[in-house]
Structure formats: C-alpha cells, structure tokens
Amino acid sequence: MQPADTPLSDRGEGQALRLAQRLSTEGNFADMASDLPRAAMTAQALSDENGVGIEFEPLLRERNFGRLRGQRSLTWRPGALSVC
C-alpha cells in the first residue's frame, strides 16, 4: 500500500494516458477526482486528452490505513483490516 502522497509511476502515467485515449471515444463526461497526487495526475491526463474540466474533491481521498500505510499487502497478517 503506497502512502497517499505518492505520485504516479512511469507505468501509472502510461496507464492514465491509455485510459484517457480510450475514454475519448465515449463522448463527453465530467471529471471529478481526489486531490491526492496519483488521482490528480490521472484526472489531469483525462483532462489533457479530452478537454474536460477537473473538480478536485477531498472527500474522494483514499482511506487512512494507519500503521499499514506504506507496507506491502503481502506482509499483513490475516484480519489486519477487519472492523471491530
């Protein structure tokens, strides 16, 4: 699990561009995204390709997983995300 402020990797940037190109054939749409870097960079790729405006919404931010943040999910013990 990556920290929330991690930007898109080169691979992620390529994926965002391909998504934007694919969605350009779907017609007009609005773009709303989290204001965190990975989501914002993906939304910007969509905007650049399709000319749509972006509305950044903090309420769309990913959850805070506390001490699990930054750890690989393979290292989590069973039940680490269970709700009490």
Protein backbone atom coordinates (compact mmCIF):
# COMPACT_ATOMS: atom_id res chain seq x y z
CA MET A 1 0.00 0.00 0.00
CA GLN A 2 1.52 3.28 -1.10
CA PRO A 3 1.50 6.43 1.01
CA ALA A 4 -1.31 8.78 -0.04
CA ASP A 5 1.06 11.43 -1.39
CA THR A 6 2.85 9.06 -3.80
CA PRO A 7 2.77 10.33 -7.40
CA LEU A 8 2.06 8.11 -10.39
CA SER A 9 4.92 5.90 -11.51
CA ASP A 10 6.03 5.92 -15.15
CA ARG A 11 3.86 2.84 -15.64
CA GLY A 12 0.91 4.60 -13.99
CA GLU A 13 1.37 7.63 -16.24
CA GLY A 14 1.24 5.34 -19.27
CA GLN A 15 -1.88 3.65 -17.96
CA ALA A 16 -3.54 7.03 -17.33
CA LEU A 17 -2.76 8.13 -20.88
CA ARG A 18 -4.18 4.92 -22.36
CA LEU A 19 -7.30 5.31 -20.22
CA ALA A 20 -7.71 8.90 -21.39
CA GLN A 21 -7.34 7.85 -25.02
CA ARG A 22 -9.88 5.05 -24.55
CA LEU A 23 -12.39 7.32 -22.82
CA SER A 24 -12.06 9.93 -25.57
CA THR A 25 -14.20 7.64 -27.75
CA GLU A 26 -17.00 7.56 -25.16
CA GLY A 27 -18.23 11.12 -25.60
CA ASN A 28 -18.36 13.99 -23.14
CA PHE A 29 -18.04 13.41 -19.44
CA ALA A 30 -17.22 15.38 -16.31
CA ASP A 31 -14.08 14.69 -14.34
CA MET A 32 -14.06 14.64 -10.54
CA ALA A 33 -11.10 13.28 -8.63
CA SER A 34 -9.43 13.11 -5.27
CA ASP A 35 -6.90 15.88 -4.73
CA LEU A 36 -4.17 13.38 -3.84
CA PRO A 37 -1.28 13.16 -6.35
CA ARG A 38 -1.99 9.83 -8.09
CA ALA A 39 -5.68 10.62 -8.63
CA ALA A 40 -4.96 14.21 -9.62
CA MET A 41 -2.33 13.13 -12.16
CA THR A 42 -4.74 10.58 -13.66
CA ALA A 43 -7.51 13.19 -13.85
CA GLN A 44 -5.10 15.64 -15.48
CA ALA A 45 -4.29 13.08 -18.19
CA LEU A 46 -8.03 12.72 -18.86
CA SER A 47 -8.42 16.49 -18.99
CA ASP A 48 -5.44 16.96 -21.31
CA GLU A 49 -6.71 14.32 -23.73
CA ASN A 50 -10.41 15.17 -23.64
CA GLY A 51 -10.57 18.85 -22.74
CA VAL A 52 -12.82 18.34 -19.73
CA GLY A 53 -12.50 20.35 -16.55
CA ILE A 54 -11.42 18.71 -13.32
CA GLU A 55 -13.11 19.20 -9.98
CA PHE A 56 -10.86 18.07 -7.13
CA GLU A 57 -12.78 16.76 -4.13
CA PRO A 58 -11.02 15.99 -0.82
CA LEU A 59 -13.95 13.75 0.17
CA LEU A 60 -12.74 11.29 -2.50
CA ARG A 61 -9.42 10.72 -0.75
CA GLU A 62 -8.46 7.13 -0.02
CA ARG A 63 -8.86 5.74 3.48
CA ASN A 64 -6.16 6.07 6.10
CA PHE A 65 -4.95 2.57 6.96
CA GLY A 66 -2.80 3.76 9.86
CA ARG A 67 0.24 1.61 10.54
CA LEU A 68 -0.47 -0.50 7.43
CA ARG A 69 0.21 2.50 5.19
CA GLY A 70 3.40 2.06 3.22
CA GLN A 71 3.55 -1.70 3.81
CA ARG A 72 3.13 -4.35 1.14
CA SER A 73 -0.19 -6.15 1.49
CA LEU A 74 1.67 -9.46 1.38
CA THR A 75 3.10 -8.69 4.83
CA TRP A 76 -0.26 -8.05 6.51
CA ARG A 77 -1.44 -10.62 8.98
CA PRO A 78 -4.91 -12.13 8.46
CA GLY A 79 -7.66 -9.84 9.73
CA ALA A 80 -5.48 -6.71 9.64
CA LEU A 81 -8.29 -4.73 8.00
CA SER A 82 -11.21 -6.26 9.88
CA VAL A 83 -13.61 -3.84 11.50
CA CYS A 84 -14.23 -4.11 15.24
